[in-house]
């Protein structure tokens, strides 16, 4: 959405501004992610939040943390500009979610 687009443009500008300073800047844009209280806080209702993930196998916070750890472990001269990650039950084309892939 708009927030991720803003962050991506901000990071492009930051990378340009910091060119030659040996500073790495990465954006990680996760798709459907369960296993945290984010959806419950956003929707204000646990049952409604749980329904978002019914029939899916979403990313988990540990999946995202593992990606962050991978980016940080790369050699200092390597920068990963952007990581867009989604569970296999989700596609970015029309933001489709297959609800038959749980398990």
C-alpha atoms as a PDB file:
ATOM      1  CA  UNK A   1       0.000   0.000   0.000  1.00  0.00           C
ATOM      2  CA  UNK A   2       0.879   3.638   0.300  1.00  0.00           C
ATOM      3  CA  UNK A   3       2.984   3.211   3.456  1.00  0.00           C
ATOM      4  CA  UNK A   4       5.252   0.596   1.871  1.00  0.00           C
ATOM      5  CA  UNK A   5       5.583   2.756  -1.274  1.00  0.00           C
ATOM      6  CA  UNK A   6       6.578   5.769   0.836  1.00  0.00           C
ATOM      7  CA  UNK A   7       9.158   3.769   2.786  1.00  0.00           C
ATOM      8  CA  UNK A   8      10.615   2.350  -0.436  1.00  0.00           C
ATOM      9  CA  UNK A   9      11.025   5.844  -1.956  1.00  0.00           C
ATOM     10  CA  UNK A  10      12.473   7.189   1.296  1.00  0.00           C
ATOM     11  CA  UNK A  11      15.028   4.381   1.331  1.00  0.00           C
ATOM     12  CA  UNK A  12      16.002   5.041  -2.308  1.00  0.00           C
ATOM     13  CA  UNK A  13      16.689   8.660  -1.395  1.00  0.00           C
ATOM     14  CA  UNK A  14      18.570   7.607   1.746  1.00  0.00           C
ATOM     15  CA  UNK A  15      20.780   5.243  -0.259  1.00  0.00           C
ATOM     16  CA  UNK A  16      21.600   8.096  -2.664  1.00  0.00           C
ATOM     17  CA  UNK A  17      22.323  10.521   0.170  1.00  0.00           C
ATOM     18  CA  UNK A  18      24.591   8.005   1.926  1.00  0.00           C
ATOM     19  CA  UNK A  19      26.455   6.838  -1.180  1.00  0.00           C
ATOM     20  CA  UNK A  20      30.118   6.308  -0.338  1.00  0.00           C
ATOM     21  CA  UNK A  21      29.512   6.294   3.423  1.00  0.00           C
ATOM     22  CA  UNK A  22      29.544   2.473   3.783  1.00  0.00           C
ATOM     23  CA  UNK A  23      26.008   2.500   5.199  1.00  0.00           C
ATOM     24  CA  UNK A  24      23.656  -0.288   4.154  1.00  0.00           C
ATOM     25  CA  UNK A  25      19.919   0.343   3.947  1.00  0.00           C
ATOM     26  CA  UNK A  26      17.431  -2.452   3.313  1.00  0.00           C
ATOM     27  CA  UNK A  27      13.653  -2.544   3.208  1.00  0.00           C
ATOM     28  CA  UNK A  28      11.858  -5.758   4.051  1.00  0.00           C
ATOM     29  CA  UNK A  29       8.233  -5.899   2.930  1.00  0.00           C
ATOM     30  CA  UNK A  30       6.464  -8.956   4.324  1.00  0.00           C
ATOM     31  CA  UNK A  31       3.158 -10.201   3.000  1.00  0.00           C
ATOM     32  CA  UNK A  32       0.578 -12.093   5.019  1.00  0.00           C
ATOM     33  CA  UNK A  33       2.124 -12.527   8.470  1.00  0.00           C
ATOM     34  CA  UNK A  34       0.427 -14.257  11.378  1.00  0.00           C
ATOM     35  CA  UNK A  35       1.611 -15.235  14.813  1.00  0.00           C
ATOM     36  CA  UNK A  36       1.625 -11.745  16.274  1.00  0.00           C
ATOM     37  CA  UNK A  37      -0.961  -9.430  17.796  1.00  0.00           C
ATOM     38  CA  UNK A  38      -0.748  -6.935  14.892  1.00  0.00           C
ATOM     39  CA  UNK A  39      -4.005  -7.964  13.185  1.00  0.00           C
ATOM     40  CA  UNK A  40      -5.869  -8.109  16.478  1.00  0.00           C
ATOM     41  CA  UNK A  41      -4.740  -4.595  17.386  1.00  0.00           C
ATOM     42  CA  UNK A  42      -5.536  -3.326  13.877  1.00  0.00           C
ATOM     43  CA  UNK A  43      -8.986  -4.937  13.680  1.00  0.00           C
ATOM     44  CA  UNK A  44      -9.853  -4.671  17.368  1.00  0.00           C
ATOM     45  CA  UNK A  45     -11.289  -8.180  17.529  1.00  0.00           C
ATOM     46  CA  UNK A  46      -9.469 -11.509  17.980  1.00  0.00           C
ATOM     47  CA  UNK A  47     -12.044 -13.572  16.035  1.00  0.00           C
ATOM     48  CA  UNK A  48     -11.910 -11.134  13.130  1.00  0.00           C
ATOM     49  CA  UNK A  49      -8.114 -11.163  13.211  1.00  0.00           C
ATOM     50  CA  UNK A  50      -8.017 -14.976  13.282  1.00  0.00           C
ATOM     51  CA  UNK A  51     -10.351 -15.073  10.256  1.00  0.00           C
ATOM     52  CA  UNK A  52      -7.731 -13.212   8.200  1.00  0.00           C
ATOM     53  CA  UNK A  53      -5.495 -16.291   8.401  1.00  0.00           C
ATOM     54  CA  UNK A  54      -8.143 -19.060   8.155  1.00  0.00           C
ATOM     55  CA  UNK A  55      -7.110 -21.653   5.593  1.00  0.00           C
ATOM     56  CA  UNK A  56      -3.688 -20.090   5.039  1.00  0.00           C
ATOM     57  CA  UNK A  57      -0.154 -20.741   6.162  1.00  0.00           C
ATOM     58  CA  UNK A  58       1.117 -17.179   6.654  1.00  0.00           C
ATOM     59  CA  UNK A  59       4.636 -16.019   7.311  1.00  0.00           C
ATOM     60  CA  UNK A  60       5.582 -16.014  10.979  1.00  0.00           C
ATOM     61  CA  UNK A  61       7.602 -13.385  12.832  1.00  0.00           C
ATOM     62  CA  UNK A  62      10.520 -15.859  12.943  1.00  0.00           C
ATOM     63  CA  UNK A  63      10.505 -16.036   9.122  1.00  0.00           C
ATOM     64  CA  UNK A  64      10.954 -12.285   8.933  1.00  0.00           C
ATOM     65  CA  UNK A  65      13.558 -12.290  11.711  1.00  0.00           C
ATOM     66  CA  UNK A  66      15.536 -14.938   9.820  1.00  0.00           C
ATOM     67  CA  UNK A  67      15.532 -12.702   6.739  1.00  0.00           C
ATOM     68  CA  UNK A  68      16.745  -9.734   8.802  1.00  0.00           C
ATOM     69  CA  UNK A  69      19.530 -11.900  10.262  1.00  0.00           C
ATOM     70  CA  UNK A  70      20.537 -13.023   6.745  1.00  0.00           C
ATOM     71  CA  UNK A  71      20.744  -9.413   5.508  1.00  0.00           C
ATOM     72  CA  UNK A  72      22.824  -8.400   8.540  1.00  0.00           C
ATOM     73  CA  UNK A  73      25.193 -11.365   8.124  1.00  0.00           C
ATOM     74  CA  UNK A  74      26.204 -10.433   4.577  1.00  0.00           C
ATOM     75  CA  UNK A  75      29.663  -8.958   3.965  1.00  0.00           C
ATOM     76  CA  UNK A  76      29.891  -5.216   4.681  1.00  0.00           C
ATOM     77  CA  UNK A  77      30.209  -4.352   0.986  1.00  0.00           C
ATOM     78  CA  UNK A  78      26.944  -6.130   0.070  1.00  0.00           C
ATOM     79  CA  UNK A  79      23.626  -4.314   0.349  1.00  0.00           C
ATOM     80  CA  UNK A  80      20.262  -5.906  -0.286  1.00  0.00           C
ATOM     81  CA  UNK A  81      18.104  -2.986  -1.379  1.00  0.00           C
ATOM     82  CA  UNK A  82      14.695  -4.587  -1.034  1.00  0.00           C
ATOM     83  CA  UNK A  83      13.203  -7.892   0.044  1.00  0.00           C
ATOM     84  CA  UNK A  84       9.562  -8.585  -0.748  1.00  0.00           C
ATOM     85  CA  UNK A  85       8.547 -11.825   0.919  1.00  0.00           C
ATOM     86  CA  UNK A  86       5.220 -13.618   0.931  1.00  0.00           C
ATOM     87  CA  UNK A  87       3.988 -17.033   1.963  1.00  0.00           C
ATOM     88  CA  UNK A  88       3.445 -19.460  -0.898  1.00  0.00           C
ATOM     89  CA  UNK A  89      -0.307 -19.101  -0.410  1.00  0.00           C
ATOM     90  CA  UNK A  90      -0.140 -15.443  -1.480  1.00  0.00           C
ATOM     91  CA  UNK A  91       0.589 -13.706  -4.774  1.00  0.00           C
ATOM     92  CA  UNK A  92       1.167 -10.024  -5.405  1.00  0.00           C
ATOM     93  CA  UNK A  93      -0.810 -10.027  -8.662  1.00  0.00           C
ATOM     94  CA  UNK A  94      -4.063  -8.601  -7.382  1.00  0.00           C
ATOM     95  CA  UNK A  95      -2.936  -9.560  -3.875  1.00  0.00           C
ATOM     96  CA  UNK A  96      -4.488 -13.013  -4.093  1.00  0.00           C
ATOM     97  CA  UNK A  97      -4.600 -15.431  -1.155  1.00  0.00           C
ATOM     98  CA  UNK A  98      -5.156 -19.178  -1.620  1.00  0.00           C
ATOM     99  CA  UNK A  99      -7.062 -20.376   1.445  1.00  0.00           C
ATOM    100  CA  UNK A 100      -6.632 -24.080   0.676  1.00  0.00           C
ATOM    101  CA  UNK A 101      -2.906 -24.342   1.490  1.00  0.00           C
ATOM    102  CA  UNK A 102      -3.015 -24.540   5.290  1.00  0.00           C
ATOM    103  CA  UNK A 103      -1.043 -27.253   6.961  1.00  0.00           C
END
